[in-house]
């Protein structure tokens, strides 16, 4: 295994091990699907409809929340995830909602349009791209996303607002993303290289996720450098927002 392949292998392994089976089993308590759906207010469905999207690949499906919402809204959906525990949970949720959603266990480096096809949109949500620490690796991943898109296709990526977090202005409002009442989210180590999120559940279970604190400007620049154009951003689902006073930033761009 060459040095680059070994680094990517270790990165995927680190990502996967953070999502242990017991943590994933409690993940939906953290989200609260009904409250999250109400908080989003159909934002992603409306955005995809606005861009004329019919087919979508959800490349970080997690426990399947967005894949379910998009399928129920009438989109053709394929779901993938690089965590086997998350994908198992997602498939259980697809069955629970009686939805036939094609799904694959794939890390981002193994996404292949020859196998999966091309789509009108790629969605990468849950601040998932922040699991990739090196800029050149993120560019490689974004190139994989680009290859999955038809010409002019839409990419949607969201991220925690690390500009505010790194400035000491962390908040977890519970209005949009982590709406459950059985858990709290706090911070551990935060610096320019690492951000550690700590999830405490009401029965004293504690889990951590370590991610790269990717700044919104960094991600916008990397998307444009990866063959995308017409970048736009939203703060907590609003096109006009205070960068220091929102939980998440959502980026959109079109494939060249």
C-alpha atoms as a PDB file:
ATOM      1  CA  UNK A   1       0.000   0.000   0.000  1.00  0.00           C
ATOM      2  CA  UNK A   2       1.520   3.339  -1.048  1.00  0.00           C
ATOM      3  CA  UNK A   3       1.682   6.333   1.309  1.00  0.00           C
ATOM      4  CA  UNK A   4      -1.388   8.098  -0.091  1.00  0.00           C
ATOM      5  CA  UNK A   5      -3.483   4.922  -0.081  1.00  0.00           C
ATOM      6  CA  UNK A   6      -2.385   4.180   3.478  1.00  0.00           C
ATOM      7  CA  UNK A   7      -3.356   7.679   4.641  1.00  0.00           C
ATOM      8  CA  UNK A   8      -6.785   7.373   3.019  1.00  0.00           C
ATOM      9  CA  UNK A   9      -7.233   3.917   4.530  1.00  0.00           C
ATOM     10  CA  UNK A  10      -6.364   5.235   8.000  1.00  0.00           C
ATOM     11  CA  UNK A  11      -8.663   8.232   7.542  1.00  0.00           C
ATOM     12  CA  UNK A  12     -11.598   5.996   6.615  1.00  0.00           C
ATOM     13  CA  UNK A  13     -10.822   3.643   9.487  1.00  0.00           C
ATOM     14  CA  UNK A  14     -10.748   6.553  11.941  1.00  0.00           C
ATOM     15  CA  UNK A  15     -14.064   7.876  10.626  1.00  0.00           C
ATOM     16  CA  UNK A  16     -15.685   4.465  10.850  1.00  0.00           C
ATOM     17  CA  UNK A  17     -14.505   3.640  14.361  1.00  0.00           C
ATOM     18  CA  UNK A  18     -15.945   6.890  15.750  1.00  0.00           C
ATOM     19  CA  UNK A  19     -19.432   5.674  14.819  1.00  0.00           C
ATOM     20  CA  UNK A  20     -19.581   2.692  17.146  1.00  0.00           C
ATOM     21  CA  UNK A  21     -22.675   0.487  17.104  1.00  0.00           C
ATOM     22  CA  UNK A  22     -23.927   1.759  20.487  1.00  0.00           C
ATOM     23  CA  UNK A  23     -23.425   5.414  19.465  1.00  0.00           C
ATOM     24  CA  UNK A  24     -25.243   4.875  16.170  1.00  0.00           C
ATOM     25  CA  UNK A  25     -28.088   3.129  17.973  1.00  0.00           C
ATOM     26  CA  UNK A  26     -28.719   6.381  19.853  1.00  0.00           C
ATOM     27  CA  UNK A  27     -28.104   8.699  16.901  1.00  0.00           C
ATOM     28  CA  UNK A  28     -31.771   9.190  16.044  1.00  0.00           C
ATOM     29  CA  UNK A  29     -32.475  10.240  19.635  1.00  0.00           C
ATOM     30  CA  UNK A  30     -29.955  13.010  19.059  1.00  0.00           C
ATOM     31  CA  UNK A  31     -31.649  14.103  15.830  1.00  0.00           C
ATOM     32  CA  UNK A  32     -35.384  13.628  16.606  1.00  0.00           C
ATOM     33  CA  UNK A  33     -36.603  13.146  13.032  1.00  0.00           C
ATOM     34  CA  UNK A  34     -39.944  14.897  13.409  1.00  0.00           C
ATOM     35  CA  UNK A  35     -38.474  18.012  15.034  1.00  0.00           C
ATOM     36  CA  UNK A  36     -35.645  18.120  12.522  1.00  0.00           C
ATOM     37  CA  UNK A  37     -38.086  17.822   9.632  1.00  0.00           C
ATOM     38  CA  UNK A  38     -40.113  20.710  11.038  1.00  0.00           C
ATOM     39  CA  UNK A  39     -36.956  22.802  11.587  1.00  0.00           C
ATOM     40  CA  UNK A  40     -35.741  22.302   8.023  1.00  0.00           C
ATOM     41  CA  UNK A  41     -39.164  23.210   6.630  1.00  0.00           C
ATOM     42  CA  UNK A  42     -38.570  21.380   3.344  1.00  0.00           C
ATOM     43  CA  UNK A  43     -35.441  23.430   2.567  1.00  0.00           C
ATOM     44  CA  UNK A  44     -33.533  20.723   0.695  1.00  0.00           C
ATOM     45  CA  UNK A  45     -36.589  19.425  -1.153  1.00  0.00           C
ATOM     46  CA  UNK A  46     -37.471  22.956  -2.307  1.00  0.00           C
ATOM     47  CA  UNK A  47     -33.886  23.715  -3.301  1.00  0.00           C
ATOM     48  CA  UNK A  48     -33.633  20.545  -5.384  1.00  0.00           C
ATOM     49  CA  UNK A  49     -36.982  21.210  -7.058  1.00  0.00           C
ATOM     50  CA  UNK A  50     -35.852  24.778  -7.825  1.00  0.00           C
ATOM     51  CA  UNK A  51     -32.851  23.373  -9.709  1.00  0.00           C
ATOM     52  CA  UNK A  52     -34.913  20.829 -11.642  1.00  0.00           C
ATOM     53  CA  UNK A  53     -33.401  17.830  -9.857  1.00  0.00           C
ATOM     54  CA  UNK A  54     -34.960  14.388 -10.174  1.00  0.00           C
ATOM     55  CA  UNK A  55     -32.158  11.977  -9.223  1.00  0.00           C
ATOM     56  CA  UNK A  56     -30.078  12.369  -6.042  1.00  0.00           C
ATOM     57  CA  UNK A  57     -27.231  10.461  -4.451  1.00  0.00           C
ATOM     58  CA  UNK A  58     -26.872  10.981  -0.707  1.00  0.00           C
ATOM     59  CA  UNK A  59     -23.179  10.258  -0.149  1.00  0.00           C
ATOM     60  CA  UNK A  60     -23.241  10.604   3.651  1.00  0.00           C
ATOM     61  CA  UNK A  61     -26.627   9.138   4.448  1.00  0.00           C
ATOM     62  CA  UNK A  62     -25.920   8.464   8.129  1.00  0.00           C
ATOM     63  CA  UNK A  63     -29.046   6.970   9.670  1.00  0.00           C
ATOM     64  CA  UNK A  64     -30.959   7.826   6.491  1.00  0.00           C
ATOM     65  CA  UNK A  65     -32.910  10.910   7.524  1.00  0.00           C
ATOM     66  CA  UNK A  66     -32.429  12.931   4.334  1.00  0.00           C
ATOM     67  CA  UNK A  67     -32.662   9.929   2.023  1.00  0.00           C
ATOM     68  CA  UNK A  68     -36.091   9.202   3.527  1.00  0.00           C
ATOM     69  CA  UNK A  69     -37.257  12.811   3.255  1.00  0.00           C
ATOM     70  CA  UNK A  70     -36.123  13.076  -0.366  1.00  0.00           C
ATOM     71  CA  UNK A  71     -37.631   9.734  -1.359  1.00  0.00           C
ATOM     72  CA  UNK A  72     -40.939  10.708   0.238  1.00  0.00           C
ATOM     73  CA  UNK A  73     -40.807  13.990  -1.695  1.00  0.00           C
ATOM     74  CA  UNK A  74     -40.663  12.055  -4.964  1.00  0.00           C
ATOM     75  CA  UNK A  75     -36.951  12.111  -5.847  1.00  0.00           C
ATOM     76  CA  UNK A  76     -35.075   9.081  -7.178  1.00  0.00           C
ATOM     77  CA  UNK A  77     -32.601   8.430  -4.346  1.00  0.00           C
ATOM     78  CA  UNK A  78     -29.454   6.344  -3.928  1.00  0.00           C
ATOM     79  CA  UNK A  79     -27.828   6.326  -0.466  1.00  0.00           C
ATOM     80  CA  UNK A  80     -24.228   5.554   0.474  1.00  0.00           C
ATOM     81  CA  UNK A  81     -22.147   5.768   3.634  1.00  0.00           C
ATOM     82  CA  UNK A  82     -18.612   4.856   4.660  1.00  0.00           C
ATOM     83  CA  UNK A  83     -19.715   3.645   8.100  1.00  0.00           C
ATOM     84  CA  UNK A  84     -21.140   0.135   8.090  1.00  0.00           C
ATOM     85  CA  UNK A  85     -22.943   0.776  11.391  1.00  0.00           C
ATOM     86  CA  UNK A  86     -24.607   3.907  10.024  1.00  0.00           C
ATOM     87  CA  UNK A  87     -25.622   2.158   6.810  1.00  0.00           C
ATOM     88  CA  UNK A  88     -27.148  -0.707   8.797  1.00  0.00           C
ATOM     89  CA  UNK A  89     -29.172   1.848  10.774  1.00  0.00           C
ATOM     90  CA  UNK A  90     -30.201   3.642   7.581  1.00  0.00           C
ATOM     91  CA  UNK A  91     -31.416   0.427   5.997  1.00  0.00           C
ATOM     92  CA  UNK A  92     -33.469  -0.316   9.108  1.00  0.00           C
ATOM     93  CA  UNK A  93     -35.026   3.142   8.827  1.00  0.00           C
ATOM     94  CA  UNK A  94     -35.776   2.598   5.132  1.00  0.00           C
ATOM     95  CA  UNK A  95     -37.639  -0.597   6.036  1.00  0.00           C
ATOM     96  CA  UNK A  96     -39.416   1.161   8.907  1.00  0.00           C
ATOM     97  CA  UNK A  97     -40.737   3.769   6.477  1.00  0.00           C
ATOM     98  CA  UNK A  98     -41.511   1.085   3.869  1.00  0.00           C
ATOM     99  CA  UNK A  99     -39.264   2.717   1.286  1.00  0.00           C
ATOM    100  CA  UNK A 100     -37.235   0.955  -1.394  1.00  0.00           C
ATOM    101  CA  UNK A 101     -34.009   2.993  -1.423  1.00  0.00           C
ATOM    102  CA  UNK A 102     -30.951   1.617  -3.171  1.00  0.00           C
ATOM    103  CA  UNK A 103     -28.017   1.760  -0.749  1.00  0.00           C
ATOM    104  CA  UNK A 104     -24.302   0.950  -0.838  1.00  0.00           C
ATOM    105  CA  UNK A 105     -21.475   0.717   1.692  1.00  0.00           C
ATOM    106  CA  UNK A 106     -18.945   3.058   0.064  1.00  0.00           C
ATOM    107  CA  UNK A 107     -16.341   5.425   1.390  1.00  0.00           C
ATOM    108  CA  UNK A 108     -15.955   8.531  -0.759  1.00  0.00           C
ATOM    109  CA  UNK A 109     -12.757   7.357  -2.427  1.00  0.00           C
ATOM    110  CA  UNK A 110     -14.589   4.321  -3.842  1.00  0.00           C
ATOM    111  CA  UNK A 111     -17.543   6.199  -5.355  1.00  0.00           C
ATOM    112  CA  UNK A 112     -17.577   5.141  -9.004  1.00  0.00           C
ATOM    113  CA  UNK A 113     -19.978   6.586 -11.594  1.00  0.00           C
ATOM    114  CA  UNK A 114     -19.380   3.520 -13.755  1.00  0.00           C
ATOM    115  CA  UNK A 115     -21.057   1.486 -11.006  1.00  0.00           C
ATOM    116  CA  UNK A 116     -23.455   3.992  -9.451  1.00  0.00           C
ATOM    117  CA  UNK A 117     -24.341   6.132 -12.470  1.00  0.00           C
ATOM    118  CA  UNK A 118     -24.599   9.911 -12.672  1.00  0.00           C
ATOM    119  CA  UNK A 119     -27.131  12.101 -10.924  1.00  0.00           C
ATOM    120  CA  UNK A 120     -28.793  15.497 -11.067  1.00  0.00           C
ATOM    121  CA  UNK A 121     -27.575  16.197  -7.505  1.00  0.00           C
ATOM    122  CA  UNK A 122     -25.080  15.018  -4.903  1.00  0.00           C
ATOM    123  CA  UNK A 123     -25.882  15.799  -1.263  1.00  0.00           C
ATOM    124  CA  UNK A 124     -23.256  15.510   1.474  1.00  0.00           C
ATOM    125  CA  UNK A 125     -24.888  16.562   4.725  1.00  0.00           C
ATOM    126  CA  UNK A 126     -24.322  16.266   8.472  1.00  0.00           C
ATOM    127  CA  UNK A 127     -21.032  18.209   8.324  1.00  0.00           C
ATOM    128  CA  UNK A 128     -19.586  14.966   7.012  1.00  0.00           C
ATOM    129  CA  UNK A 129     -16.865  16.403   4.777  1.00  0.00           C
ATOM    130  CA  UNK A 130     -15.206  17.728   7.945  1.00  0.00           C
ATOM    131  CA  UNK A 131     -14.094  14.170   8.657  1.00  0.00           C
ATOM    132  CA  UNK A 132     -11.440  14.769   5.961  1.00  0.00           C
ATOM    133  CA  UNK A 133      -8.532  16.620   7.527  1.00  0.00           C
ATOM    134  CA  UNK A 134      -6.200  17.348   4.592  1.00  0.00           C
ATOM    135  CA  UNK A 135      -7.098  19.887   1.902  1.00  0.00           C
ATOM    136  CA  UNK A 136      -5.755  17.752  -0.966  1.00  0.00           C
ATOM    137  CA  UNK A 137      -7.846  14.825   0.249  1.00  0.00           C
ATOM    138  CA  UNK A 138     -10.969  17.012   0.331  1.00  0.00           C
ATOM    139  CA  UNK A 139     -10.197  18.115  -3.229  1.00  0.00           C
ATOM    140  CA  UNK A 140      -9.965  14.450  -4.193  1.00  0.00           C
ATOM    141  CA  UNK A 141     -13.324  13.740  -2.553  1.00  0.00           C
ATOM    142  CA  UNK A 142     -14.943  16.758  -4.227  1.00  0.00           C
ATOM    143  CA  UNK A 143     -13.624  15.488  -7.574  1.00  0.00           C
ATOM    144  CA  UNK A 144     -15.360  12.169  -6.842  1.00  0.00           C
ATOM    145  CA  UNK A 145     -18.592  14.049  -6.173  1.00  0.00           C
ATOM    146  CA  UNK A 146     -18.119  15.971  -9.431  1.00  0.00           C
ATOM    147  CA  UNK A 147     -17.739  12.720 -11.370  1.00  0.00           C
ATOM    148  CA  UNK A 148     -21.104  11.521 -10.027  1.00  0.00           C
ATOM    149  CA  UNK A 149     -22.887  14.573 -11.430  1.00  0.00           C
ATOM    150  CA  UNK A 150     -24.373  15.109 -14.830  1.00  0.00           C
ATOM    151  CA  UNK A 151     -23.177  18.321 -16.550  1.00  0.00           C
ATOM    152  CA  UNK A 152     -24.668  21.252 -14.661  1.00  0.00           C
ATOM    153  CA  UNK A 153     -25.600  19.001 -11.737  1.00  0.00           C
ATOM    154  CA  UNK A 154     -26.001  20.400  -8.218  1.00  0.00           C
ATOM    155  CA  UNK A 155     -23.740  19.735  -5.228  1.00  0.00           C
ATOM    156  CA  UNK A 156     -25.018  20.473  -1.714  1.00  0.00           C
ATOM    157  CA  UNK A 157     -22.597  20.272   1.209  1.00  0.00           C
ATOM    158  CA  UNK A 158     -23.253  21.473   4.727  1.00  0.00           C
ATOM    159  CA  UNK A 159     -20.881  22.054   7.614  1.00  0.00           C
ATOM    160  CA  UNK A 160     -20.786  23.197  11.171  1.00  0.00           C
ATOM    161  CA  UNK A 161     -20.071  26.907  11.388  1.00  0.00           C
ATOM    162  CA  UNK A 162     -16.447  26.539  12.403  1.00  0.00           C
ATOM    163  CA  UNK A 163     -15.763  30.232  11.873  1.00  0.00           C
ATOM    164  CA  UNK A 164     -17.990  30.996  14.858  1.00  0.00           C
ATOM    165  CA  UNK A 165     -16.843  27.936  16.794  1.00  0.00           C
ATOM    166  CA  UNK A 166     -13.156  28.795  16.411  1.00  0.00           C
ATOM    167  CA  UNK A 167     -13.992  32.348  17.519  1.00  0.00           C
ATOM    168  CA  UNK A 168     -15.516  30.986  20.738  1.00  0.00           C
ATOM    169  CA  UNK A 169     -19.126  31.417  19.662  1.00  0.00           C
ATOM    170  CA  UNK A 170     -20.396  27.838  19.741  1.00  0.00           C
ATOM    171  CA  UNK A 171     -24.096  27.232  20.147  1.00  0.00           C
ATOM    172  CA  UNK A 172     -26.318  24.224  19.671  1.00  0.00           C
ATOM    173  CA  UNK A 173     -29.776  25.738  19.436  1.00  0.00           C
ATOM    174  CA  UNK A 174     -31.648  22.466  18.915  1.00  0.00           C
ATOM    175  CA  UNK A 175     -33.846  24.235  16.401  1.00  0.00           C
ATOM    176  CA  UNK A 176     -32.587  22.543  13.255  1.00  0.00           C
ATOM    177  CA  UNK A 177     -30.088  19.702  13.447  1.00  0.00           C
ATOM    178  CA  UNK A 178     -29.776  18.055  16.850  1.00  0.00           C
ATOM    179  CA  UNK A 179     -33.315  18.427  18.116  1.00  0.00           C
ATOM    180  CA  UNK A 180     -33.532  15.549  20.576  1.00  0.00           C
ATOM    181  CA  UNK A 181     -33.986  16.213  24.273  1.00  0.00           C
ATOM    182  CA  UNK A 182     -32.157  13.113  25.550  1.00  0.00           C
ATOM    183  CA  UNK A 183     -28.675  14.382  24.727  1.00  0.00           C
ATOM    184  CA  UNK A 184     -26.509  17.467  24.891  1.00  0.00           C
ATOM    185  CA  UNK A 185     -23.674  18.533  22.601  1.00  0.00           C
ATOM    186  CA  UNK A 186     -20.602  20.337  23.925  1.00  0.00           C
ATOM    187  CA  UNK A 187     -17.036  20.970  22.834  1.00  0.00           C
ATOM    188  CA  UNK A 188     -13.765  19.404  23.857  1.00  0.00           C
ATOM    189  CA  UNK A 189     -10.520  20.434  22.187  1.00  0.00           C
ATOM    190  CA  UNK A 190     -10.848  23.222  19.614  1.00  0.00           C
ATOM    191  CA  UNK A 191      -8.015  24.718  17.598  1.00  0.00           C
ATOM    192  CA  UNK A 192      -7.170  25.335  13.955  1.00  0.00           C
ATOM    193  CA  UNK A 193      -6.439  21.637  13.392  1.00  0.00           C
ATOM    194  CA  UNK A 194      -9.091  19.806  15.406  1.00  0.00           C
ATOM    195  CA  UNK A 195     -12.581  20.192  16.813  1.00  0.00           C
ATOM    196  CA  UNK A 196     -13.929  17.638  19.251  1.00  0.00           C
ATOM    197  CA  UNK A 197     -17.681  17.306  19.782  1.00  0.00           C
ATOM    198  CA  UNK A 198     -18.886  15.578  22.943  1.00  0.00           C
ATOM    199  CA  UNK A 199     -22.324  13.964  23.047  1.00  0.00           C
ATOM    200  CA  UNK A 200     -23.740  13.226  26.493  1.00  0.00           C
ATOM    201  CA  UNK A 201     -26.939  11.204  26.733  1.00  0.00           C
ATOM    202  CA  UNK A 202     -29.286  11.259  29.694  1.00  0.00           C
ATOM    203  CA  UNK A 203     -28.210   7.853  30.949  1.00  0.00           C
ATOM    204  CA  UNK A 204     -24.615   9.152  31.198  1.00  0.00           C
ATOM    205  CA  UNK A 205     -23.415   7.561  27.958  1.00  0.00           C
ATOM    206  CA  UNK A 206     -20.730   9.758  26.376  1.00  0.00           C
ATOM    207  CA  UNK A 207     -19.350   9.735  22.836  1.00  0.00           C
ATOM    208  CA  UNK A 208     -16.965  11.974  20.924  1.00  0.00           C
ATOM    209  CA  UNK A 209     -16.423  12.918  17.292  1.00  0.00           C
ATOM    210  CA  UNK A 210     -13.150  14.471  16.157  1.00  0.00           C
ATOM    211  CA  UNK A 211     -13.283  16.480  12.943  1.00  0.00           C
ATOM    212  CA  UNK A 212     -11.354  19.108  11.028  1.00  0.00           C
ATOM    213  CA  UNK A 213     -12.684  22.637  11.785  1.00  0.00           C
ATOM    214  CA  UNK A 214     -13.150  23.564   8.133  1.00  0.00           C
ATOM    215  CA  UNK A 215     -13.889  27.250   7.620  1.00  0.00           C
ATOM    216  CA  UNK A 216     -16.753  28.178   5.256  1.00  0.00           C
ATOM    217  CA  UNK A 217     -14.398  30.195   3.069  1.00  0.00           C
ATOM    218  CA  UNK A 218     -12.044  27.235   2.777  1.00  0.00           C
ATOM    219  CA  UNK A 219     -14.809  24.933   1.610  1.00  0.00           C
ATOM    220  CA  UNK A 220     -16.162  27.472  -0.883  1.00  0.00           C
ATOM    221  CA  UNK A 221     -12.674  27.886  -2.382  1.00  0.00           C
ATOM    222  CA  UNK A 222     -12.157  24.127  -2.581  1.00  0.00           C
ATOM    223  CA  UNK A 223     -15.501  23.577  -4.309  1.00  0.00           C
ATOM    224  CA  UNK A 224     -14.631  26.140  -6.971  1.00  0.00           C
ATOM    225  CA  UNK A 225     -11.172  24.580  -7.395  1.00  0.00           C
ATOM    226  CA  UNK A 226     -12.773  21.167  -7.996  1.00  0.00           C
ATOM    227  CA  UNK A 227     -14.731  22.007 -11.130  1.00  0.00           C
ATOM    228  CA  UNK A 228     -17.777  23.670  -9.621  1.00  0.00           C
ATOM    229  CA  UNK A 229     -19.235  27.135 -10.256  1.00  0.00           C
ATOM    230  CA  UNK A 230     -22.020  29.419  -9.073  1.00  0.00           C
ATOM    231  CA  UNK A 231     -21.295  28.883  -5.379  1.00  0.00           C
ATOM    232  CA  UNK A 232     -23.988  30.050  -2.969  1.00  0.00           C
ATOM    233  CA  UNK A 233     -24.342  29.655   0.777  1.00  0.00           C
ATOM    234  CA  UNK A 234     -27.083  29.652   3.392  1.00  0.00           C
ATOM    235  CA  UNK A 235     -26.893  30.026   7.165  1.00  0.00           C
ATOM    236  CA  UNK A 236     -29.403  27.819   8.965  1.00  0.00           C
ATOM    237  CA  UNK A 237     -31.474  27.615   5.740  1.00  0.00           C
ATOM    238  CA  UNK A 238     -31.502  31.384   5.140  1.00  0.00           C
ATOM    239  CA  UNK A 239     -29.815  33.114   2.186  1.00  0.00           C
ATOM    240  CA  UNK A 240     -29.240  36.260   4.279  1.00  0.00           C
ATOM    241  CA  UNK A 241     -27.591  35.403   7.577  1.00  0.00           C
ATOM    242  CA  UNK A 242     -25.156  36.495  10.265  1.00  0.00           C
ATOM    243  CA  UNK A 243     -22.044  34.349   9.863  1.00  0.00           C
ATOM    244  CA  UNK A 244     -21.280  34.594  13.569  1.00  0.00           C
ATOM    245  CA  UNK A 245     -24.781  33.644  14.634  1.00  0.00           C
ATOM    246  CA  UNK A 246     -25.747  30.434  12.854  1.00  0.00           C
ATOM    247  CA  UNK A 247     -25.154  26.764  13.646  1.00  0.00           C
ATOM    248  CA  UNK A 248     -24.596  25.414  10.129  1.00  0.00           C
ATOM    249  CA  UNK A 249     -23.562  26.767   6.737  1.00  0.00           C
ATOM    250  CA  UNK A 250     -24.974  25.091   3.631  1.00  0.00           C
ATOM    251  CA  UNK A 251     -23.056  25.384   0.353  1.00  0.00           C
ATOM    252  CA  UNK A 252     -24.387  24.818  -3.159  1.00  0.00           C
ATOM    253  CA  UNK A 253     -22.545  24.804  -6.494  1.00  0.00           C
ATOM    254  CA  UNK A 254     -23.054  23.548 -10.034  1.00  0.00           C
ATOM    255  CA  UNK A 255     -20.790  21.108 -11.880  1.00  0.00           C
ATOM    256  CA  UNK A 256     -19.017  22.622 -14.874  1.00  0.00           C
END
